Protein backbone atom coordinates (compact mmCIF):
# COMPACT_ATOMS: atom_id res chain seq x y z
CA MET A 1 75.77 72.68 56.43
CA SER A 2 74.68 69.12 55.76
CA PRO A 3 75.36 66.12 58.03
CA HIS A 4 76.47 64.15 54.91
CA ILE A 5 79.59 66.21 54.51
CA LEU A 6 80.46 66.85 58.14
CA HIS A 7 83.39 65.11 59.77
CA ARG A 8 84.24 65.30 63.39
CA ASP A 9 87.92 65.97 62.60
CA CYS A 10 87.09 68.66 60.03
CA LEU A 11 85.97 71.17 62.54
CA ILE A 12 87.60 74.44 62.35
CA PRO A 13 89.63 75.34 65.47
CA CYS A 14 87.30 78.13 66.60
CA PRO A 15 85.41 77.08 69.78
CA LYS A 16 82.20 79.08 68.88
CA LEU A 17 82.01 77.67 65.48
CA GLN A 18 82.67 74.12 66.72
CA THR A 19 79.66 74.39 69.04
CA ARG A 20 77.45 75.66 66.29
CA ALA A 21 78.49 73.08 63.75
CA ILE A 22 77.86 70.23 66.26
CA LEU A 23 74.34 71.63 67.11
CA VAL A 24 73.54 71.78 63.44
CA HIS A 25 74.87 68.26 62.83
CA SER A 26 72.73 66.88 65.70
CA GLN A 27 69.52 68.50 64.47
CA LEU A 28 69.88 67.28 60.90
CA VAL A 29 70.73 63.75 61.99
CA GLN A 30 67.57 63.62 64.09
CA VAL A 31 65.57 64.85 61.02
CA VAL A 32 66.93 62.09 58.90
CA ALA A 33 66.28 59.47 61.63
CA VAL A 34 62.65 60.53 62.07
CA ALA A 35 62.07 60.69 58.33
CA GLU A 36 63.35 57.04 57.74
CA GLU A 37 61.09 55.72 60.54
CA ILE A 38 57.93 56.92 58.89
CA SER A 39 55.97 54.26 57.06
CA PRO A 40 56.01 54.25 53.16
CA GLU A 41 52.29 54.92 53.00
CA VAL A 42 52.59 58.18 55.01
CA ARG A 43 55.54 59.28 52.79
CA SER A 44 53.77 58.61 49.50
CA SER A 45 50.69 60.51 50.62
CA SER A 46 52.58 63.48 51.96
CA ALA A 47 53.78 65.97 49.34
CA GLU A 48 55.44 68.11 51.95
CA PHE A 49 57.53 65.31 53.23
CA GLU A 50 58.64 64.48 49.62
CA SER A 51 59.78 68.11 49.21
CA LEU A 52 61.77 67.89 52.50
CA THR A 53 63.46 64.59 51.58
CA ARG A 54 64.24 66.14 48.17
CA ASP A 55 65.82 69.13 49.67
CA LEU A 56 67.90 66.96 52.06
CA ASN A 57 69.12 64.80 49.19
CA GLU A 58 70.16 67.80 47.16
CA ALA A 59 71.99 69.39 49.95
CA GLY A 60 73.73 66.29 51.28
CA GLY A 61 74.28 64.31 47.99
CA ARG A 62 72.23 61.56 46.36
CA ARG A 63 71.77 58.39 48.06
CA ASP A 64 72.32 55.00 46.51
CA SER A 65 70.46 55.28 43.16
CA ASN A 66 70.06 51.50 42.90
CA SER A 67 67.85 51.31 46.01
CA ASP A 68 64.24 52.35 46.18
CA SER A 69 63.97 55.80 47.79
CA ARG A 70 60.42 54.95 49.04
CA THR A 71 61.76 51.94 50.96
CA PRO A 72 63.24 52.65 54.43
CA LYS A 73 66.73 51.51 54.96
CA SER A 74 65.69 49.54 58.02
CA ALA A 75 63.48 47.45 55.79
CA ARG A 76 66.46 46.77 53.40
CA GLY A 77 68.63 45.58 56.27
CA GLU A 78 71.03 48.62 55.86
CA THR A 79 72.34 50.76 58.51
CA ASN A 80 71.73 54.54 58.80
CA SER A 81 75.29 55.59 57.80
CA LEU A 82 76.27 58.85 56.29
CA ARG A 83 78.69 59.42 53.37
CA LEU A 84 81.65 61.35 54.84
CA PRO A 85 84.71 62.58 52.93
CA GLU A 86 88.07 61.55 53.90
CA SER A 87 89.40 63.51 56.83
CA PRO A 88 92.77 65.23 56.56
CA TYR A 89 93.46 63.78 59.94
CA ALA A 90 92.95 60.26 58.93
CA GLY A 91 95.70 59.02 61.04
CA ASN A 92 93.77 59.67 64.15
CA LYS A 93 91.65 56.97 65.73
CA PRO A 94 87.90 57.42 65.21
CA GLY A 95 86.21 58.96 68.21
CA PRO A 96 82.51 59.06 69.35
CA ARG A 97 79.69 59.88 66.94
CA TYR A 98 79.66 63.49 68.06
CA ALA A 99 83.13 64.92 68.56
CA GLN A 100 83.68 66.76 71.79
CA LEU A 101 85.03 70.23 71.99
CA PRO A 102 88.73 70.45 72.95
CA LYS A 103 89.39 71.84 76.41
CA GLN A 104 91.15 75.09 76.51
CA THR A 105 94.45 74.98 78.14
CA LYS A 106 96.75 77.74 79.41
CA ASN A 107 99.49 76.78 76.98
CA ALA A 108 97.93 77.24 73.50
CA ALA A 109 101.09 75.67 71.84
CA THR A 110 100.30 72.15 73.13
CA SER A 111 98.19 69.83 71.05
CA ASN A 112 94.72 68.76 72.09
CA SER A 113 93.01 65.46 72.16
CA THR A 114 91.06 65.99 68.87
CA GLY A 115 94.30 66.22 66.81
CA LEU A 116 93.39 69.82 65.66
CA PRO A 117 96.04 72.39 65.31
CA PRO A 118 96.60 74.49 68.45
CA VAL A 119 94.56 77.60 68.78
CA ALA A 120 96.10 80.98 69.62
CA LEU A 121 94.12 82.29 72.51
CA THR A 122 95.77 85.79 72.57
CA PRO A 123 97.79 87.56 69.84
CA LYS A 124 101.47 87.63 70.39
CA ARG A 125 102.68 90.87 71.88
CA THR A 126 105.54 92.59 70.17
CA GLN A 127 108.14 93.78 72.65
CA GLY A 128 110.31 96.77 71.97
CA PRO A 129 113.85 97.43 72.99
CA ILE A 130 112.82 98.22 76.50
CA SER A 131 110.14 95.99 78.20
CA ALA A 132 107.07 97.58 79.73
CA PHE A 133 107.96 99.45 82.91
CA LYS A 134 105.98 98.38 85.97
CA PRO A 135 107.01 100.49 88.88
CA ASP A 136 106.11 99.98 92.39
CA ARG A 137 103.35 102.03 93.66
CA LEU A 138 104.27 105.22 95.59
CA ASP A 139 104.02 104.84 99.33
CA PRO A 140 100.79 106.39 100.29
CA ASP A 141 102.00 107.28 103.69
CA GLU A 142 104.81 109.39 102.19
CA PHE A 143 103.52 110.71 98.77
CA LYS A 144 100.21 112.37 99.02
CA GLN A 145 98.20 114.72 97.12
CA ILE A 146 97.46 118.13 98.90
CA LYS A 147 93.75 118.34 98.53
CA TRP A 148 92.77 121.26 100.77
CA GLN A 149 94.25 124.92 100.94
CA THR A 150 97.03 124.11 98.48
CA HIS A 151 98.16 127.64 98.33
CA LYS A 152 99.12 127.41 101.97
CA TRP A 153 101.29 124.37 101.37
CA PHE A 154 103.02 125.35 98.14
CA VAL A 155 104.56 128.54 99.60
CA VAL A 156 108.03 130.11 98.86
CA GLY A 157 110.67 127.98 100.50
CA ARG A 158 108.73 124.71 100.59
CA VAL A 159 111.06 121.73 99.85
CA PHE A 160 109.43 118.51 98.63
CA ARG A 161 110.19 115.38 96.62
CA MET A 162 108.12 113.87 93.79
CA PHE A 163 108.30 111.27 91.14
CA LEU A 164 109.16 113.34 87.98
CA ILE A 165 108.54 112.02 84.54
CA GLU A 166 109.98 113.85 81.46
CA ASN A 167 110.57 113.31 77.81
CA ALA A 168 114.00 111.65 77.35
CA GLY A 169 114.75 113.78 74.25
CA GLU A 170 117.01 112.97 71.27
CA THR A 171 120.29 113.65 73.10
CA ALA A 172 120.16 110.50 75.31
CA ASP A 173 122.48 107.76 74.03
CA ARG A 174 121.50 104.22 73.44
CA GLN A 175 123.24 102.90 76.56
CA SER A 176 121.42 105.35 78.77
CA LEU A 177 117.97 104.44 77.30
CA GLY A 178 118.56 100.86 78.49
CA GLY A 179 118.74 102.07 82.07
CA SER A 180 116.06 101.64 84.77
CA ASN A 181 115.24 105.35 84.62
CA PHE A 182 114.06 105.17 80.91
CA THR A 183 110.90 103.65 79.62
CA LEU A 184 109.63 103.13 76.04
CA VAL A 185 106.23 104.77 75.81
CA ALA A 186 103.80 105.63 72.99
CA LYS A 187 104.95 106.55 69.41
CA GLY A 188 108.35 105.03 69.91
CA GLU A 189 109.42 107.72 72.42
CA TYR A 190 111.27 107.41 75.63
CA ALA A 191 110.35 108.80 79.09
CA TYR A 192 112.83 109.71 81.79
CA HIS A 193 111.77 109.30 85.36
CA GLN A 194 113.30 109.72 88.77
CA PHE A 195 112.65 110.98 92.26
CA ARG A 196 113.67 114.60 92.59
CA ARG A 197 113.60 117.38 95.24
CA PHE A 198 112.20 120.78 94.47
CA VAL A 199 112.03 124.22 96.12
CA VAL A 200 109.07 126.45 95.60
CA VAL A 201 110.39 129.86 94.38
CA LYS A 202 107.21 131.49 92.77
CA PRO A 203 103.60 130.63 93.66
CA ILE A 204 100.94 131.77 91.27
CA PRO A 205 97.93 133.48 93.01
CA ASN A 206 94.56 132.13 92.08
CA GLU A 207 96.17 129.26 90.02
CA LEU A 208 96.64 125.64 90.92
CA TYR A 209 100.26 125.51 90.03
CA CYS A 210 103.68 127.02 90.99
CA TYR A 211 107.27 127.38 89.85
CA CYS A 212 109.95 125.27 91.54
CA CYS A 213 113.65 124.76 91.12
CA PRO A 214 115.20 121.44 91.35
CA ILE A 215 117.90 120.15 93.62
CA ALA A 216 120.53 117.89 91.91
CA THR A 217 124.05 116.47 92.48
CA TYR A 218 124.69 115.89 88.73
CA GLY A 219 125.88 112.32 89.34
CA GLY A 220 128.10 113.27 92.18
CA GLN A 221 129.96 116.01 90.05
CA ALA A 222 127.93 118.99 91.36
CA THR A 223 128.39 121.94 89.10
CA THR A 224 131.79 120.66 87.71
CA LYS A 225 129.74 118.65 85.22
CA LYS A 226 130.26 119.84 81.65
CA GLY A 227 127.65 122.33 80.46
CA VAL A 228 126.38 123.35 83.94
CA ASN A 229 125.99 127.09 84.59
CA GLN A 230 127.69 127.62 87.91
CA LYS A 231 126.24 131.18 88.40
CA ALA A 232 122.82 129.86 88.46
CA HIS A 233 123.53 127.43 91.28
CA THR A 234 124.00 127.56 94.98
CA ILE A 235 124.77 124.99 97.69
CA VAL A 236 121.89 123.71 99.74
CA TYR A 237 122.60 121.95 103.16
CA SER A 238 120.89 120.83 106.31
CA GLY A 239 123.57 120.76 108.95
CA ASP A 240 125.05 123.54 111.07
CA ARG A 241 127.73 124.39 108.52
CA PRO A 242 127.61 124.26 104.77
CA PRO A 243 129.87 121.96 102.84
CA GLN A 244 132.86 123.39 101.03
CA PRO A 245 132.61 123.75 97.17
CA LEU A 246 134.40 121.18 95.09
CA ASP A 247 137.49 122.06 93.14
CA GLY A 248 136.33 123.70 90.05
CA GLU A 249 133.24 125.36 91.29
CA GLU A 250 134.72 128.74 91.70
CA GLY A 251 131.89 130.14 89.46
CA MET A 252 129.36 129.86 92.02
CA ASN A 253 129.07 133.36 93.62
CA LYS A 254 125.98 132.89 95.84
CA ASP A 255 125.77 132.01 99.63
CA PRO A 256 124.55 128.45 100.60
CA LEU A 257 121.06 128.10 101.66
CA ARG A 258 120.08 126.13 104.66
CA ILE A 259 117.10 123.59 104.79
CA GLU A 260 115.23 122.76 107.90
CA LEU A 261 114.33 119.06 107.29
CA ALA A 262 110.93 117.74 108.41
CA SER A 263 112.32 114.26 109.49
CA PRO A 264 115.68 113.32 110.92
CA ASP A 265 115.76 110.29 108.55
CA GLU A 266 115.99 112.70 105.56
CA LYS A 267 119.49 113.30 104.37
CA LEU A 268 121.06 115.77 101.93
CA ASP A 269 124.12 114.91 99.86
CA PRO A 270 126.97 117.37 100.43
CA LYS A 271 127.07 117.76 96.59
CA SER A 272 123.41 118.97 96.50
CA ARG A 273 123.06 122.04 94.36
CA LEU A 274 119.87 124.18 93.77
CA ASN A 275 119.49 125.22 90.08
CA LEU A 276 117.83 128.59 90.19
CA GLY A 277 118.04 128.96 86.36
CA ARG A 278 115.54 126.12 85.62
CA ALA A 279 112.03 126.47 87.07
CA HIS A 280 109.50 123.69 86.58
CA VAL A 281 105.87 124.08 86.51
CA ILE A 282 104.39 121.82 89.30
CA ASP A 283 100.71 121.34 89.63
CA HIS A 284 99.07 121.26 93.04
CA ASN A 285 97.47 117.91 92.34
CA PHE A 286 100.75 116.05 92.07
CA LYS A 287 101.61 113.52 94.65
CA VAL A 288 104.44 114.99 96.86
CA GLN A 289 106.44 114.21 99.96
CA ASN A 290 107.35 116.92 102.44
CA ILE A 291 111.10 117.39 102.98
CA GLY A 292 111.12 120.67 104.86
CA MET A 293 111.41 124.40 104.50
CA ILE A 294 114.23 126.83 103.58
CA ASP A 295 115.51 128.30 106.84
CA GLU A 296 113.95 131.68 107.63
CA ARG A 297 117.42 133.30 107.54
CA SER A 298 118.01 131.92 104.00
CA LEU A 299 114.63 132.53 102.71
CA PRO A 300 115.26 136.26 101.67
CA LYS A 301 118.44 135.17 99.93
CA LEU A 302 116.45 132.47 98.00
CA ILE A 303 113.92 135.10 96.72
CA THR A 304 116.72 137.53 95.82
CA TYR A 305 118.94 134.85 93.94
CA TYR A 306 115.90 133.69 92.00
CA ARG A 307 115.07 137.06 90.90
CA GLU A 308 118.69 137.83 89.81
CA VAL A 309 119.00 134.68 87.84
CA SER A 310 115.57 135.23 85.98
CA ARG A 311 116.70 138.80 85.21
CA ASP A 312 119.89 137.75 83.81
CA GLN A 313 118.19 135.14 81.70
CA ASP A 314 115.78 137.73 80.30
CA ARG A 315 118.56 140.09 79.36
CA ASN A 316 120.34 137.21 77.43
């Protein structure tokens, strides 16, 4: 890059290339200045300097052919000016000899003092139909990972809460996907997430996972919701007496199961139902919150009901 064809307003809008171009420009100008201060006698007797001058002239364009190349410009009363092409930003006022780099601003869309086009600092992110989900962190005082003797904690009858994340599937309608419980994840797929209670029904010896059945209200409809198998459900409660089934729940034929809550602040909805027909695999390293235990008088019924439902599903 020659200083004869460098213009301060022609710098490309890349900060690193701008810095490099200015350094090269400064070095070449210094070489030209030193060369023109050398006396004619030294230049005429130095073949190496003649070669250097010839290379500079070829790279930067011929100087005035009418003037003697051996006579310094200072002796002819001429200024040490460079032949610069017309800048595409000719409307701007001329600045200092060496253009300063534009200062980076937070808003890349604003114009800078050099008149250069704005520089895009970061690529524009494409936003899908649902924005990136940034949930609050789980309360470390409530949700904890069981690190020691997990088999003694994940026992039959243990009731706990966890933040469950599942694939939304293809049956979810577009209106539901826009809710707060759905998130657009990788590959254009949606994830469904919510806090859910589980009851341990089958620990696996020598393994770090167990089978657990979920507790749900089905949006306040209990087992009257369309598509719910009432025979695989039972009522769970925490008070002295179980709540009455809703109208339309005549298909439930199992006794209610009582839960001893670990905290008086914990409440169970009267429409809570335990789904014994759908067991989830829960790893022992998940963060969980202790809710309580199935009452010792209801524990044998829990084991029997789960085996009966599993046996019926195997037959079908």
